[in-house]
Amino acid sequence: MLTAVSRGVPLLLIPQLPDHAAHAAGAVGSGAAELVPWELADAARLREDASRLLTSEKHRKAAGELADEINAQPSPAALVDRLAEIICVA
């Protein structure tokens, strides 16, 4: 999910587990994603929703904004030295 979002790709999500639902809620809240309930996820619905989502200017714009926000964050590698300092001080 983060790879797609970091590239500005709108997402069509089908959460199945509690942690999926929590992550999906954030993506939907940003406007970069939509949900399809598992019980409604048939081939026709997924094809139609994915096509609409990928051509929606609103969703593409929101996904691009979310990508900018994610890509502005430091990488985990850039944080290692600072985390080591914090752990060693504690």
C-alpha atoms as a PDB file:
ATOM      1  CA  MET A   1       0.000   0.000   0.000  1.00  0.00           C
ATOM      2  CA  LEU A   2       2.744   2.487   0.909  1.00  0.00           C
ATOM      3  CA  THR A   3       4.647   1.785  -2.297  1.00  0.00           C
ATOM      4  CA  ALA A   4       1.611   2.618  -4.424  1.00  0.00           C
ATOM      5  CA  VAL A   5       0.763   5.676  -2.362  1.00  0.00           C
ATOM      6  CA  SER A   6       4.361   6.939  -2.438  1.00  0.00           C
ATOM      7  CA  ARG A   7       4.114   6.861  -6.249  1.00  0.00           C
ATOM      8  CA  GLY A   8       0.829   8.787  -6.327  1.00  0.00           C
ATOM      9  CA  VAL A   9      -1.335   5.866  -7.437  1.00  0.00           C
ATOM     10  CA  PRO A  10      -4.968   5.908  -6.242  1.00  0.00           C
ATOM     11  CA  LEU A  11      -5.923   2.722  -4.425  1.00  0.00           C
ATOM     12  CA  LEU A  12      -8.921   0.417  -4.484  1.00  0.00           C
ATOM     13  CA  LEU A  13      -8.768  -1.425  -1.173  1.00  0.00           C
ATOM     14  CA  ILE A  14     -10.491  -4.583   0.031  1.00  0.00           C
ATOM     15  CA  PRO A  15      -9.651  -4.790   3.733  1.00  0.00           C
ATOM     16  CA  GLN A  16      -9.948  -8.224   5.311  1.00  0.00           C
ATOM     17  CA  LEU A  17      -8.278  -7.919   8.721  1.00  0.00           C
ATOM     18  CA  PRO A  18      -8.556  -5.309  11.479  1.00  0.00           C
ATOM     19  CA  ASP A  19      -5.187  -3.747  10.677  1.00  0.00           C
ATOM     20  CA  HIS A  20      -6.170  -3.543   6.996  1.00  0.00           C
ATOM     21  CA  ALA A  21      -9.276  -1.581   7.960  1.00  0.00           C
ATOM     22  CA  ALA A  22      -7.257   0.903  10.007  1.00  0.00           C
ATOM     23  CA  HIS A  23      -4.723   1.550   7.230  1.00  0.00           C
ATOM     24  CA  ALA A  24      -7.459   1.718   4.609  1.00  0.00           C
ATOM     25  CA  ALA A  25      -9.386   4.284   6.643  1.00  0.00           C
ATOM     26  CA  GLY A  26      -6.391   6.621   6.529  1.00  0.00           C
ATOM     27  CA  ALA A  27      -6.005   6.247   2.774  1.00  0.00           C
ATOM     28  CA  VAL A  28      -9.725   6.782   2.205  1.00  0.00           C
ATOM     29  CA  GLY A  29      -9.676   9.793   4.519  1.00  0.00           C
ATOM     30  CA  SER A  30      -6.944  11.382   2.403  1.00  0.00           C
ATOM     31  CA  GLY A  31      -9.088  10.995  -0.718  1.00  0.00           C
ATOM     32  CA  ALA A  32      -6.450   8.766  -2.355  1.00  0.00           C
ATOM     33  CA  ALA A  33      -8.415   5.528  -2.005  1.00  0.00           C
ATOM     34  CA  GLU A  34     -11.802   3.869  -1.976  1.00  0.00           C
ATOM     35  CA  LEU A  35     -12.983   0.716  -0.246  1.00  0.00           C
ATOM     36  CA  VAL A  36     -14.861  -2.256  -1.561  1.00  0.00           C
ATOM     37  CA  PRO A  37     -16.315  -4.524   1.115  1.00  0.00           C
ATOM     38  CA  TRP A  38     -15.043  -8.091   0.738  1.00  0.00           C
ATOM     39  CA  GLU A  39     -18.535  -9.486   0.211  1.00  0.00           C
ATOM     40  CA  LEU A  40     -19.127  -7.092  -2.730  1.00  0.00           C
ATOM     41  CA  ALA A  41     -15.752  -7.619  -4.431  1.00  0.00           C
ATOM     42  CA  ASP A  42     -16.672  -9.448  -7.621  1.00  0.00           C
ATOM     43  CA  ALA A  43     -14.768  -9.094 -10.896  1.00  0.00           C
ATOM     44  CA  ALA A  44     -17.233  -6.682 -12.502  1.00  0.00           C
ATOM     45  CA  ARG A  45     -17.305  -4.372  -9.494  1.00  0.00           C
ATOM     46  CA  LEU A  46     -13.528  -4.336  -9.151  1.00  0.00           C
ATOM     47  CA  ARG A  47     -13.006  -3.668 -12.858  1.00  0.00           C
ATOM     48  CA  GLU A  48     -15.514  -0.816 -12.865  1.00  0.00           C
ATOM     49  CA  ASP A  49     -14.282   0.770  -9.624  1.00  0.00           C
ATOM     50  CA  ALA A  50     -10.585   0.476 -10.564  1.00  0.00           C
ATOM     51  CA  SER A  51     -11.182   2.050 -13.967  1.00  0.00           C
ATOM     52  CA  ARG A  52     -13.141   4.938 -12.464  1.00  0.00           C
ATOM     53  CA  LEU A  53     -10.604   5.452  -9.676  1.00  0.00           C
ATOM     54  CA  LEU A  54      -7.582   5.511 -11.976  1.00  0.00           C
ATOM     55  CA  THR A  55      -9.178   8.088 -14.264  1.00  0.00           C
ATOM     56  CA  SER A  56     -10.612  10.274 -11.495  1.00  0.00           C
ATOM     57  CA  GLU A  57      -8.785  13.607 -11.328  1.00  0.00           C
ATOM     58  CA  LYS A  58      -9.940  14.037  -7.716  1.00  0.00           C
ATOM     59  CA  HIS A  59      -8.379  10.737  -6.624  1.00  0.00           C
ATOM     60  CA  ARG A  60      -5.213  11.243  -8.678  1.00  0.00           C
ATOM     61  CA  LYS A  61      -4.728  14.695  -7.141  1.00  0.00           C
ATOM     62  CA  ALA A  62      -5.252  13.381  -3.604  1.00  0.00           C
ATOM     63  CA  ALA A  63      -2.881  10.471  -4.258  1.00  0.00           C
ATOM     64  CA  GLY A  64      -0.262  12.891  -5.587  1.00  0.00           C
ATOM     65  CA  GLU A  65      -0.594  15.092  -2.504  1.00  0.00           C
ATOM     66  CA  LEU A  66      -0.264  12.073  -0.238  1.00  0.00           C
ATOM     67  CA  ALA A  67       2.800  10.933  -2.196  1.00  0.00           C
ATOM     68  CA  ASP A  68       4.388  14.362  -1.731  1.00  0.00           C
ATOM     69  CA  GLU A  69       3.735  14.184   2.000  1.00  0.00           C
ATOM     70  CA  ILE A  70       5.202  10.681   2.318  1.00  0.00           C
ATOM     71  CA  ASN A  71       8.224  11.446   0.158  1.00  0.00           C
ATOM     72  CA  ALA A  72       9.022  14.553   2.217  1.00  0.00           C
ATOM     73  CA  GLN A  73       9.585  12.353   5.286  1.00  0.00           C
ATOM     74  CA  PRO A  74      13.095  11.136   6.099  1.00  0.00           C
ATOM     75  CA  SER A  75      13.830   7.549   5.173  1.00  0.00           C
ATOM     76  CA  PRO A  76      14.274   4.950   7.918  1.00  0.00           C
ATOM     77  CA  ALA A  77      17.995   4.812   7.070  1.00  0.00           C
ATOM     78  CA  ALA A  78      18.243   8.556   7.679  1.00  0.00           C
ATOM     79  CA  LEU A  79      16.792   8.098  11.165  1.00  0.00           C
ATOM     80  CA  VAL A  80      19.014   5.240  12.351  1.00  0.00           C
ATOM     81  CA  ASP A  81      21.761   7.396  13.898  1.00  0.00           C
ATOM     82  CA  ARG A  82      19.219   9.566  15.728  1.00  0.00           C
ATOM     83  CA  LEU A  83      17.354   6.526  17.051  1.00  0.00           C
ATOM     84  CA  ALA A  84      20.636   5.015  18.246  1.00  0.00           C
ATOM     85  CA  GLU A  85      21.412   8.246  20.125  1.00  0.00           C
ATOM     86  CA  ILE A  86      18.002   8.207  21.790  1.00  0.00           C
ATOM     87  CA  ILE A  87      18.291   4.558  22.803  1.00  0.00           C
ATOM     88  CA  CYS A  88      21.826   4.936  24.166  1.00  0.00           C
ATOM     89  CA  VAL A  89      20.866   8.003  26.223  1.00  0.00           C
ATOM     90  CA  ALA A  90      17.851   6.341  27.781  1.00  0.00           C
END
